[in-house]
C-alpha atoms as a PDB file:
ATOM      1  CA  UNK A   1     -23.822   1.246   4.549  1.00  0.00           C
ATOM      2  CA  UNK A   2     -22.919   3.083   1.300  1.00  0.00           C
ATOM      3  CA  UNK A   3     -19.573   4.359   0.180  1.00  0.00           C
ATOM      4  CA  UNK A   4     -21.079   7.791   0.095  1.00  0.00           C
ATOM      5  CA  UNK A   5     -21.611   7.760   3.596  1.00  0.00           C
ATOM      6  CA  UNK A   6     -17.726   7.967   3.818  1.00  0.00           C
ATOM      7  CA  UNK A   7     -17.921  11.238   1.875  1.00  0.00           C
ATOM      8  CA  UNK A   8     -15.409   9.686  -0.537  1.00  0.00           C
ATOM      9  CA  UNK A   9     -14.472  11.558  -3.642  1.00  0.00           C
ATOM     10  CA  UNK A  10     -15.892  15.061  -1.767  1.00  0.00           C
ATOM     11  CA  UNK A  11     -13.821  18.140  -2.669  1.00  0.00           C
ATOM     12  CA  UNK A  12     -16.017  20.291  -0.357  1.00  0.00           C
ATOM     13  CA  UNK A  13     -13.894  19.847   2.914  1.00  0.00           C
ATOM     14  CA  UNK A  14     -10.049  19.585   3.417  1.00  0.00           C
ATOM     15  CA  UNK A  15      -8.787  17.344   5.987  1.00  0.00           C
ATOM     16  CA  UNK A  16      -6.181  19.735   7.617  1.00  0.00           C
ATOM     17  CA  UNK A  17      -4.789  17.209   9.842  1.00  0.00           C
ATOM     18  CA  UNK A  18      -3.680  15.116   6.910  1.00  0.00           C
ATOM     19  CA  UNK A  19      -2.858  18.043   4.663  1.00  0.00           C
ATOM     20  CA  UNK A  20      -0.432  19.739   7.547  1.00  0.00           C
ATOM     21  CA  UNK A  21       1.174  16.136   8.248  1.00  0.00           C
ATOM     22  CA  UNK A  22       1.937  15.486   4.751  1.00  0.00           C
ATOM     23  CA  UNK A  23       3.150  18.914   4.272  1.00  0.00           C
ATOM     24  CA  UNK A  24       5.456  18.916   7.073  1.00  0.00           C
ATOM     25  CA  UNK A  25       6.743  15.418   5.738  1.00  0.00           C
ATOM     26  CA  UNK A  26       7.425  16.780   2.396  1.00  0.00           C
ATOM     27  CA  UNK A  27       9.260  19.915   3.543  1.00  0.00           C
ATOM     28  CA  UNK A  28      11.759  17.879   5.958  1.00  0.00           C
ATOM     29  CA  UNK A  29      11.978  15.403   3.300  1.00  0.00           C
ATOM     30  CA  UNK A  30      13.927  18.217   1.327  1.00  0.00           C
ATOM     31  CA  UNK A  31      15.623  19.089   4.519  1.00  0.00           C
ATOM     32  CA  UNK A  32      17.039  15.564   4.886  1.00  0.00           C
ATOM     33  CA  UNK A  33      19.096  16.076   1.717  1.00  0.00           C
ATOM     34  CA  UNK A  34      21.374  18.543   3.592  1.00  0.00           C
ATOM     35  CA  UNK A  35      22.026  16.029   6.363  1.00  0.00           C
ATOM     36  CA  UNK A  36      23.026  13.171   4.119  1.00  0.00           C
ATOM     37  CA  UNK A  37      25.407  10.600   5.609  1.00  0.00           C
ATOM     38  CA  UNK A  38      25.909   7.136   4.150  1.00  0.00           C
ATOM     39  CA  UNK A  39      24.480   5.379   7.458  1.00  0.00           C
ATOM     40  CA  UNK A  40      21.346   7.745   7.201  1.00  0.00           C
ATOM     41  CA  UNK A  41      20.700   6.472   3.523  1.00  0.00           C
ATOM     42  CA  UNK A  42      21.231   2.729   4.562  1.00  0.00           C
ATOM     43  CA  UNK A  43      18.837   3.163   7.194  1.00  0.00           C
ATOM     44  CA  UNK A  44      16.231   4.817   4.744  1.00  0.00           C
ATOM     45  CA  UNK A  45      16.608   2.093   1.966  1.00  0.00           C
ATOM     46  CA  UNK A  46      16.322  -0.861   4.669  1.00  0.00           C
ATOM     47  CA  UNK A  47      13.109   0.925   6.353  1.00  0.00           C
ATOM     48  CA  UNK A  48      11.742   1.406   2.889  1.00  0.00           C
ATOM     49  CA  UNK A  49      12.056  -2.488   2.459  1.00  0.00           C
ATOM     50  CA  UNK A  50      10.562  -3.362   5.586  1.00  0.00           C
ATOM     51  CA  UNK A  51       7.668  -0.800   5.691  1.00  0.00           C
ATOM     52  CA  UNK A  52       6.727  -1.039   1.755  1.00  0.00           C
ATOM     53  CA  UNK A  53       7.809  -4.234   1.079  1.00  0.00           C
ATOM     54  CA  UNK A  54       6.930  -6.131   4.197  1.00  0.00           C
ATOM     55  CA  UNK A  55       4.517  -3.578   5.655  1.00  0.00           C
ATOM     56  CA  UNK A  56       2.073  -2.756   2.629  1.00  0.00           C
ATOM     57  CA  UNK A  57       2.902  -5.314  -0.178  1.00  0.00           C
ATOM     58  CA  UNK A  58       3.126  -8.329   2.073  1.00  0.00           C
ATOM     59  CA  UNK A  59       1.060  -6.996   4.816  1.00  0.00           C
ATOM     60  CA  UNK A  60      -1.732  -4.612   4.450  1.00  0.00           C
ATOM     61  CA  UNK A  61      -2.267  -5.376   0.644  1.00  0.00           C
ATOM     62  CA  UNK A  62      -1.812  -9.235  -0.081  1.00  0.00           C
ATOM     63  CA  UNK A  63      -2.551 -10.581   3.487  1.00  0.00           C
ATOM     64  CA  UNK A  64      -4.850  -8.251   5.301  1.00  0.00           C
ATOM     65  CA  UNK A  65      -7.153  -6.963   2.561  1.00  0.00           C
ATOM     66  CA  UNK A  66      -6.945  -9.752  -0.009  1.00  0.00           C
ATOM     67  CA  UNK A  67      -5.952 -12.798   2.348  1.00  0.00           C
ATOM     68  CA  UNK A  68      -3.865 -14.415  -0.594  1.00  0.00           C
ATOM     69  CA  UNK A  69      -1.953 -16.267   2.153  1.00  0.00           C
ATOM     70  CA  UNK A  70      -1.937 -17.180   5.651  1.00  0.00           C
ATOM     71  CA  UNK A  71       0.670 -16.910   8.305  1.00  0.00           C
ATOM     72  CA  UNK A  72       0.808 -17.330  12.161  1.00  0.00           C
ATOM     73  CA  UNK A  73      -0.901 -14.317  14.098  1.00  0.00           C
ATOM     74  CA  UNK A  74       2.527 -12.870  15.406  1.00  0.00           C
ATOM     75  CA  UNK A  75       3.876 -12.577  11.754  1.00  0.00           C
ATOM     76  CA  UNK A  76       0.515 -11.296  10.884  1.00  0.00           C
ATOM     77  CA  UNK A  77       0.593  -8.501  13.379  1.00  0.00           C
ATOM     78  CA  UNK A  78       4.251  -7.833  12.903  1.00  0.00           C
ATOM     79  CA  UNK A  79       3.560  -6.806   9.123  1.00  0.00           C
ATOM     80  CA  UNK A  80       0.772  -4.740  10.205  1.00  0.00           C
ATOM     81  CA  UNK A  81       3.016  -2.720  12.320  1.00  0.00           C
ATOM     82  CA  UNK A  82       5.564  -2.289   9.816  1.00  0.00           C
ATOM     83  CA  UNK A  83       2.920  -1.032   7.727  1.00  0.00           C
ATOM     84  CA  UNK A  84       1.890   1.501   9.909  1.00  0.00           C
ATOM     85  CA  UNK A  85       5.330   3.000   9.593  1.00  0.00           C
ATOM     86  CA  UNK A  86       4.406   4.362   6.325  1.00  0.00           C
ATOM     87  CA  UNK A  87       2.054   7.006   7.405  1.00  0.00           C
ATOM     88  CA  UNK A  88      -0.867   5.071   5.249  1.00  0.00           C
ATOM     89  CA  UNK A  89      -3.204   4.740   8.408  1.00  0.00           C
ATOM     90  CA  UNK A  90      -4.103   1.640  10.047  1.00  0.00           C
ATOM     91  CA  UNK A  91      -4.879  -1.862   8.911  1.00  0.00           C
ATOM     92  CA  UNK A  92      -8.673  -1.520   9.016  1.00  0.00           C
ATOM     93  CA  UNK A  93      -8.509   1.835   7.277  1.00  0.00           C
ATOM     94  CA  UNK A  94      -6.285   0.850   4.730  1.00  0.00           C
ATOM     95  CA  UNK A  95      -8.052  -2.542   3.977  1.00  0.00           C
ATOM     96  CA  UNK A  96     -11.219  -0.774   3.533  1.00  0.00           C
ATOM     97  CA  UNK A  97     -10.297   1.901   1.301  1.00  0.00           C
ATOM     98  CA  UNK A  98      -8.493  -0.671  -0.901  1.00  0.00           C
ATOM     99  CA  UNK A  99     -11.583  -3.050  -0.723  1.00  0.00           C
ATOM    100  CA  UNK A 100     -13.723  -0.168  -1.755  1.00  0.00           C
ATOM    101  CA  UNK A 101     -11.377   0.498  -4.786  1.00  0.00           C
ATOM    102  CA  UNK A 102     -11.710  -3.180  -5.950  1.00  0.00           C
ATOM    103  CA  UNK A 103     -15.615  -2.923  -5.659  1.00  0.00           C
ATOM    104  CA  UNK A 104     -15.913   0.187  -7.603  1.00  0.00           C
ATOM    105  CA  UNK A 105     -12.548   0.383  -9.525  1.00  0.00           C
ATOM    106  CA  UNK A 106     -12.733   3.495 -12.035  1.00  0.00           C
ATOM    107  CA  UNK A 107     -16.440   3.882 -11.568  1.00  0.00           C
ATOM    108  CA  UNK A 108     -18.384   6.223  -9.382  1.00  0.00           C
ATOM    109  CA  UNK A 109     -17.620   5.580  -5.622  1.00  0.00           C
ATOM    110  CA  UNK A 110     -13.837   4.640  -6.387  1.00  0.00           C
ATOM    111  CA  UNK A 111     -11.797   6.618  -4.036  1.00  0.00           C
ATOM    112  CA  UNK A 112      -9.066   7.243  -6.252  1.00  0.00           C
ATOM    113  CA  UNK A 113      -9.618   6.746  -9.889  1.00  0.00           C
ATOM    114  CA  UNK A 114      -7.741   8.820 -12.566  1.00  0.00           C
ATOM    115  CA  UNK A 115     -11.165   9.560 -14.012  1.00  0.00           C
ATOM    116  CA  UNK A 116     -11.427  12.383 -11.258  1.00  0.00           C
ATOM    117  CA  UNK A 117      -8.265  13.699 -12.314  1.00  0.00           C
ATOM    118  CA  UNK A 118      -4.645  12.533 -12.305  1.00  0.00           C
ATOM    119  CA  UNK A 119      -3.400  14.324  -9.406  1.00  0.00           C
ATOM    120  CA  UNK A 120      -6.880  13.564  -7.637  1.00  0.00           C
ATOM    121  CA  UNK A 121      -5.619   9.634  -7.989  1.00  0.00           C
ATOM    122  CA  UNK A 122      -2.273  10.251  -7.002  1.00  0.00           C
ATOM    123  CA  UNK A 123      -2.635  12.259  -3.565  1.00  0.00           C
ATOM    124  CA  UNK A 124      -5.305  14.930  -3.620  1.00  0.00           C
ATOM    125  CA  UNK A 125      -7.916  12.176  -2.614  1.00  0.00           C
ATOM    126  CA  UNK A 126      -6.051  11.542   0.830  1.00  0.00           C
ATOM    127  CA  UNK A 127      -6.467  15.334   2.099  1.00  0.00           C
ATOM    128  CA  UNK A 128     -10.070  16.010   0.936  1.00  0.00           C
ATOM    129  CA  UNK A 129     -13.387  14.575   2.458  1.00  0.00           C
ATOM    130  CA  UNK A 130     -13.836  13.513   6.007  1.00  0.00           C
ATOM    131  CA  UNK A 131     -10.969  12.521   8.421  1.00  0.00           C
ATOM    132  CA  UNK A 132     -11.045   8.665   8.428  1.00  0.00           C
ATOM    133  CA  UNK A 133      -7.767   7.380   9.352  1.00  0.00           C
ATOM    134  CA  UNK A 134      -8.410   6.716  12.867  1.00  0.00           C
ATOM    135  CA  UNK A 135     -12.174   6.278  12.540  1.00  0.00           C
ATOM    136  CA  UNK A 136     -12.178   2.692  13.336  1.00  0.00           C
ATOM    137  CA  UNK A 137     -15.826   2.363  13.898  1.00  0.00           C
ATOM    138  CA  UNK A 138     -16.894   3.527  10.578  1.00  0.00           C
ATOM    139  CA  UNK A 139     -14.157   2.042   8.544  1.00  0.00           C
ATOM    140  CA  UNK A 140     -14.482  -1.223  10.082  1.00  0.00           C
ATOM    141  CA  UNK A 141     -17.889  -1.679   8.439  1.00  0.00           C
ATOM    142  CA  UNK A 142     -15.703  -2.498   5.239  1.00  0.00           C
ATOM    143  CA  UNK A 143     -13.430  -4.610   7.001  1.00  0.00           C
ATOM    144  CA  UNK A 144     -15.367  -6.710   9.321  1.00  0.00           C
ATOM    145  CA  UNK A 145     -12.979  -9.449   9.421  1.00  0.00           C
ATOM    146  CA  UNK A 146     -10.242  -7.281  10.909  1.00  0.00           C
ATOM    147  CA  UNK A 147     -12.741  -5.704  13.349  1.00  0.00           C
ATOM    148  CA  UNK A 148     -13.127  -8.950  15.021  1.00  0.00           C
ATOM    149  CA  UNK A 149      -9.517  -8.677  16.186  1.00  0.00           C
ATOM    150  CA  UNK A 150      -9.044  -6.419  19.141  1.00  0.00           C
ATOM    151  CA  UNK A 151      -5.071  -6.068  17.901  1.00  0.00           C
ATOM    152  CA  UNK A 152      -6.233  -4.396  14.715  1.00  0.00           C
ATOM    153  CA  UNK A 153      -8.940  -2.244  16.304  1.00  0.00           C
ATOM    154  CA  UNK A 154      -6.519  -0.919  18.849  1.00  0.00           C
ATOM    155  CA  UNK A 155      -3.474  -0.545  15.920  1.00  0.00           C
ATOM    156  CA  UNK A 156      -6.046   1.188  13.626  1.00  0.00           C
ATOM    157  CA  UNK A 157      -6.732   3.752  16.463  1.00  0.00           C
ATOM    158  CA  UNK A 158      -3.359   4.570  17.304  1.00  0.00           C
ATOM    159  CA  UNK A 159      -1.672   3.910  13.945  1.00  0.00           C
ATOM    160  CA  UNK A 160       0.676   6.833  14.205  1.00  0.00           C
ATOM    161  CA  UNK A 161       2.501   5.552  17.642  1.00  0.00           C
ATOM    162  CA  UNK A 162       5.091   3.103  15.887  1.00  0.00           C
ATOM    163  CA  UNK A 163       6.117   5.746  13.817  1.00  0.00           C
ATOM    164  CA  UNK A 164       6.435   8.153  16.654  1.00  0.00           C
ATOM    165  CA  UNK A 165       8.423   5.373  18.447  1.00  0.00           C
ATOM    166  CA  UNK A 166      10.804   4.812  15.569  1.00  0.00           C
ATOM    167  CA  UNK A 167      11.493   8.534  15.060  1.00  0.00           C
ATOM    168  CA  UNK A 168      12.810   8.660  18.690  1.00  0.00           C
ATOM    169  CA  UNK A 169      14.627   5.782  18.501  1.00  0.00           C
ATOM    170  CA  UNK A 170      16.506   6.602  15.051  1.00  0.00           C
ATOM    171  CA  UNK A 171      16.985  10.249  16.666  1.00  0.00           C
ATOM    172  CA  UNK A 172      18.533   8.683  19.876  1.00  0.00           C
ATOM    173  CA  UNK A 173      20.894   6.300  17.927  1.00  0.00           C
ATOM    174  CA  UNK A 174      21.924   8.309  14.833  1.00  0.00           C
ATOM    175  CA  UNK A 175      20.921  11.856  15.482  1.00  0.00           C
ATOM    176  CA  UNK A 176      18.899  14.003  13.227  1.00  0.00           C
ATOM    177  CA  UNK A 177      20.382  12.666   9.871  1.00  0.00           C
ATOM    178  CA  UNK A 178      18.756   9.224  10.784  1.00  0.00           C
ATOM    179  CA  UNK A 179      15.732  11.023  11.988  1.00  0.00           C
ATOM    180  CA  UNK A 180      15.323  13.182   8.472  1.00  0.00           C
ATOM    181  CA  UNK A 181      16.252  10.176   6.381  1.00  0.00           C
ATOM    182  CA  UNK A 182      14.752   7.175   8.164  1.00  0.00           C
ATOM    183  CA  UNK A 183      11.402   8.909   8.905  1.00  0.00           C
ATOM    184  CA  UNK A 184      10.619  12.034   6.754  1.00  0.00           C
ATOM    185  CA  UNK A 185      12.441  11.294   3.506  1.00  0.00           C
ATOM    186  CA  UNK A 186      11.772   7.519   3.562  1.00  0.00           C
ATOM    187  CA  UNK A 187       8.055   8.030   4.391  1.00  0.00           C
ATOM    188  CA  UNK A 188       7.471  10.748   1.621  1.00  0.00           C
ATOM    189  CA  UNK A 189       9.164   8.352  -0.918  1.00  0.00           C
ATOM    190  CA  UNK A 190       7.045   5.478   0.334  1.00  0.00           C
ATOM    191  CA  UNK A 191       3.790   7.645   0.136  1.00  0.00           C
ATOM    192  CA  UNK A 192       4.370   8.626  -3.478  1.00  0.00           C
ATOM    193  CA  UNK A 193       5.460   5.045  -4.531  1.00  0.00           C
ATOM    194  CA  UNK A 194       2.343   3.867  -3.104  1.00  0.00           C
ATOM    195  CA  UNK A 195       0.203   6.633  -4.579  1.00  0.00           C
ATOM    196  CA  UNK A 196       1.884   5.757  -8.024  1.00  0.00           C
ATOM    197  CA  UNK A 197      -0.035   2.306  -7.906  1.00  0.00           C
ATOM    198  CA  UNK A 198      -3.450   4.234  -7.687  1.00  0.00           C
ATOM    199  CA  UNK A 199      -2.496   6.849 -10.221  1.00  0.00           C
ATOM    200  CA  UNK A 200       0.318   5.573 -12.865  1.00  0.00           C
ATOM    201  CA  UNK A 201      -0.983   2.060 -13.182  1.00  0.00           C
ATOM    202  CA  UNK A 202      -4.426   3.299 -14.131  1.00  0.00           C
ATOM    203  CA  UNK A 203      -3.276   5.663 -16.805  1.00  0.00           C
ATOM    204  CA  UNK A 204       0.004   4.174 -18.359  1.00  0.00           C
ATOM    205  CA  UNK A 205       1.264   0.726 -19.014  1.00  0.00           C
ATOM    206  CA  UNK A 206       0.296  -2.379 -20.823  1.00  0.00           C
ATOM    207  CA  UNK A 207      -2.736  -4.766 -20.189  1.00  0.00           C
ATOM    208  CA  UNK A 208      -2.419  -8.593 -20.172  1.00  0.00           C
ATOM    209  CA  UNK A 209      -6.405  -8.985 -19.180  1.00  0.00           C
ATOM    210  CA  UNK A 210      -9.339  -7.667 -20.027  1.00  0.00           C
ATOM    211  CA  UNK A 211     -10.828  -6.161 -16.865  1.00  0.00           C
ATOM    212  CA  UNK A 212     -13.768  -3.808 -16.216  1.00  0.00           C
ATOM    213  CA  UNK A 213     -11.231  -1.005 -15.117  1.00  0.00           C
ATOM    214  CA  UNK A 214      -8.278   0.676 -16.483  1.00  0.00           C
ATOM    215  CA  UNK A 215      -5.832  -1.200 -14.499  1.00  0.00           C
ATOM    216  CA  UNK A 216      -2.339  -1.672 -16.537  1.00  0.00           C
ATOM    217  CA  UNK A 217       0.701  -3.491 -15.585  1.00  0.00           C
ATOM    218  CA  UNK A 218       3.559  -0.630 -15.259  1.00  0.00           C
ATOM    219  CA  UNK A 219       7.326  -2.068 -14.475  1.00  0.00           C
ATOM    220  CA  UNK A 220       8.531   1.018 -13.190  1.00  0.00           C
ATOM    221  CA  UNK A 221       5.910   1.304 -10.300  1.00  0.00           C
ATOM    222  CA  UNK A 222       6.754  -2.370  -9.826  1.00  0.00           C
ATOM    223  CA  UNK A 223      10.386  -1.580  -9.169  1.00  0.00           C
ATOM    224  CA  UNK A 224       9.899   0.906  -6.256  1.00  0.00           C
ATOM    225  CA  UNK A 225       6.927  -1.036  -4.721  1.00  0.00           C
ATOM    226  CA  UNK A 226       8.310  -4.597  -4.813  1.00  0.00           C
ATOM    227  CA  UNK A 227       5.828  -5.784  -7.357  1.00  0.00           C
ATOM    228  CA  UNK A 228       2.777  -3.827  -7.123  1.00  0.00           C
ATOM    229  CA  UNK A 229       3.233  -2.264 -10.223  1.00  0.00           C
ATOM    230  CA  UNK A 230       1.647  -5.411 -12.133  1.00  0.00           C
ATOM    231  CA  UNK A 231      -1.617  -3.939 -11.328  1.00  0.00           C
ATOM    232  CA  UNK A 232      -3.461  -5.182 -14.423  1.00  0.00           C
ATOM    233  CA  UNK A 233      -2.545  -8.913 -13.429  1.00  0.00           C
ATOM    234  CA  UNK A 234      -3.794  -7.730  -9.687  1.00  0.00           C
ATOM    235  CA  UNK A 235      -7.052  -6.575 -10.842  1.00  0.00           C
ATOM    236  CA  UNK A 236      -7.498 -10.022 -13.090  1.00  0.00           C
ATOM    237  CA  UNK A 237      -6.744 -12.038  -9.834  1.00  0.00           C
ATOM    238  CA  UNK A 238      -7.082  -9.875  -6.802  1.00  0.00           C
ATOM    239  CA  UNK A 239      -6.792 -12.673  -4.341  1.00  0.00           C
ATOM    240  CA  UNK A 240      -3.547 -13.816  -5.839  1.00  0.00           C
ATOM    241  CA  UNK A 241      -0.495 -13.823  -3.871  1.00  0.00           C
ATOM    242  CA  UNK A 242       1.591 -13.601  -6.853  1.00  0.00           C
ATOM    243  CA  UNK A 243       1.348 -10.206  -9.185  1.00  0.00           C
ATOM    244  CA  UNK A 244       4.143 -10.710 -11.681  1.00  0.00           C
ATOM    245  CA  UNK A 245       2.576 -13.552 -13.580  1.00  0.00           C
ATOM    246  CA  UNK A 246       5.734 -14.589 -15.917  1.00  0.00           C
ATOM    247  CA  UNK A 247       9.393 -14.678 -14.916  1.00  0.00           C
ATOM    248  CA  UNK A 248      10.239 -11.217 -16.351  1.00  0.00           C
ATOM    249  CA  UNK A 249       7.793  -9.472 -14.177  1.00  0.00           C
ATOM    250  CA  UNK A 250       9.802  -8.960 -10.986  1.00  0.00           C
ATOM    251  CA  UNK A 251       7.688  -9.345  -8.153  1.00  0.00           C
ATOM    252  CA  UNK A 252      10.004  -9.089  -4.856  1.00  0.00           C
ATOM    253  CA  UNK A 253       6.846  -9.665  -2.625  1.00  0.00           C
ATOM    254  CA  UNK A 254       6.045 -12.701  -4.007  1.00  0.00           C
ATOM    255  CA  UNK A 255       9.297 -14.231  -3.964  1.00  0.00           C
ATOM    256  CA  UNK A 256       9.140 -13.335  -0.317  1.00  0.00           C
ATOM    257  CA  UNK A 257       5.890 -14.824   0.521  1.00  0.00           C
ATOM    258  CA  UNK A 258       6.947 -18.092  -1.593  1.00  0.00           C
ATOM    259  CA  UNK A 259      10.040 -18.116   0.736  1.00  0.00           C
ATOM    260  CA  UNK A 260       7.699 -18.142   3.816  1.00  0.00           C
ATOM    261  CA  UNK A 261       5.961 -21.000   2.364  1.00  0.00           C
ATOM    262  CA  UNK A 262       8.841 -22.840   1.839  1.00  0.00           C
ATOM    263  CA  UNK A 263       9.851 -22.516   5.430  1.00  0.00           C
ATOM    264  CA  UNK A 264       6.504 -23.389   6.657  1.00  0.00           C
ATOM    265  CA  UNK A 265       5.616 -19.976   7.836  1.00  0.00           C
ATOM    266  CA  UNK A 266       2.937 -19.293   5.333  1.00  0.00           C
ATOM    267  CA  UNK A 267       0.312 -21.685   3.690  1.00  0.00           C
ATOM    268  CA  UNK A 268      -2.792 -21.457   1.851  1.00  0.00           C
ATOM    269  CA  UNK A 269      -0.965 -19.471  -0.672  1.00  0.00           C
ATOM    270  CA  UNK A 270      -3.521 -18.640  -3.568  1.00  0.00           C
ATOM    271  CA  UNK A 271      -2.157 -18.406  -7.173  1.00  0.00           C
ATOM    272  CA  UNK A 272      -3.734 -18.884 -10.616  1.00  0.00           C
ATOM    273  CA  UNK A 273      -2.342 -21.828 -12.452  1.00  0.00           C
ATOM    274  CA  UNK A 274      -0.428 -21.134 -15.869  1.00  0.00           C
ATOM    275  CA  UNK A 275      -3.284 -22.718 -17.731  1.00  0.00           C
ATOM    276  CA  UNK A 276      -5.749 -20.090 -15.845  1.00  0.00           C
ATOM    277  CA  UNK A 277      -3.324 -17.487 -16.835  1.00  0.00           C
ATOM    278  CA  UNK A 278      -2.899 -18.363 -20.404  1.00  0.00           C
ATOM    279  CA  UNK A 279      -6.401 -18.967 -21.009  1.00  0.00           C
ATOM    280  CA  UNK A 280      -7.542 -15.578 -19.705  1.00  0.00           C
ATOM    281  CA  UNK A 281      -4.772 -13.407 -20.929  1.00  0.00           C
ATOM    282  CA  UNK A 282      -5.129 -11.115 -24.080  1.00  0.00           C
ATOM    283  CA  UNK A 283      -1.611 -12.016 -25.062  1.00  0.00           C
ATOM    284  CA  UNK A 284       1.430 -13.068 -23.151  1.00  0.00           C
ATOM    285  CA  UNK A 285       3.353 -10.378 -24.817  1.00  0.00           C
ATOM    286  CA  UNK A 286       1.529  -7.778 -23.850  1.00  0.00           C
ATOM    287  CA  UNK A 287       2.962  -7.351 -20.517  1.00  0.00           C
ATOM    288  CA  UNK A 288       6.446  -5.795 -20.160  1.00  0.00           C
END
């Protein structure tokens, strides 16, 4: 199946479901600022860590898409559920899109290359083309490993349910401030944090490795995404569980994966050796 069959990159059709959902979330994220309590802020920060750090970084990206380490199924499923709380689609959809990105990075067919425009790579790509978030059958052709698992097929089709449940729980416990901060503002910040990896890290930063794309290491993106901003490192070693290759490249996701390994909860952790990094690097001083 060709990626063109997905209608990726097409600007002829707007996905009104996605556009409307994102619009509502952005408006209510602003409203949240008028309902600020310290408890609501703490809830939002904690959920940002759980949903972006655990769900996207440890789960969708390094585990489900690249299989850079292995954990027991309950942990794998838990991380996937955490990731659905980001409003970025289900595990099959997310992994499929990211795998296509690596296959065609900054070339025709890349879903979100800045070559098609800075704003396109940041968020416009999400609201144009066919609505594929819950199209498990089509997206599963790009993530056949995940399609073999019934849990992932169901979660992908109903990826919005965990977020709705979370919203109801937050509303019941903390009222409107918790709902607005813990769901709408937190999700909006998380979306832009993740989208920065698609846009900013292909535009600004430094390159440690010579890759066939424009990926760069962008320290400030790494800060808001728990280590995902070391994007040039990642494109050089896509299956590495570690993205920050030297001590000064803070990679909190890697530290958490390493902790799981020390606790015996993760194994088959894939990382390049120091000699491999040094041999392939353009200059160890290039990453900042």
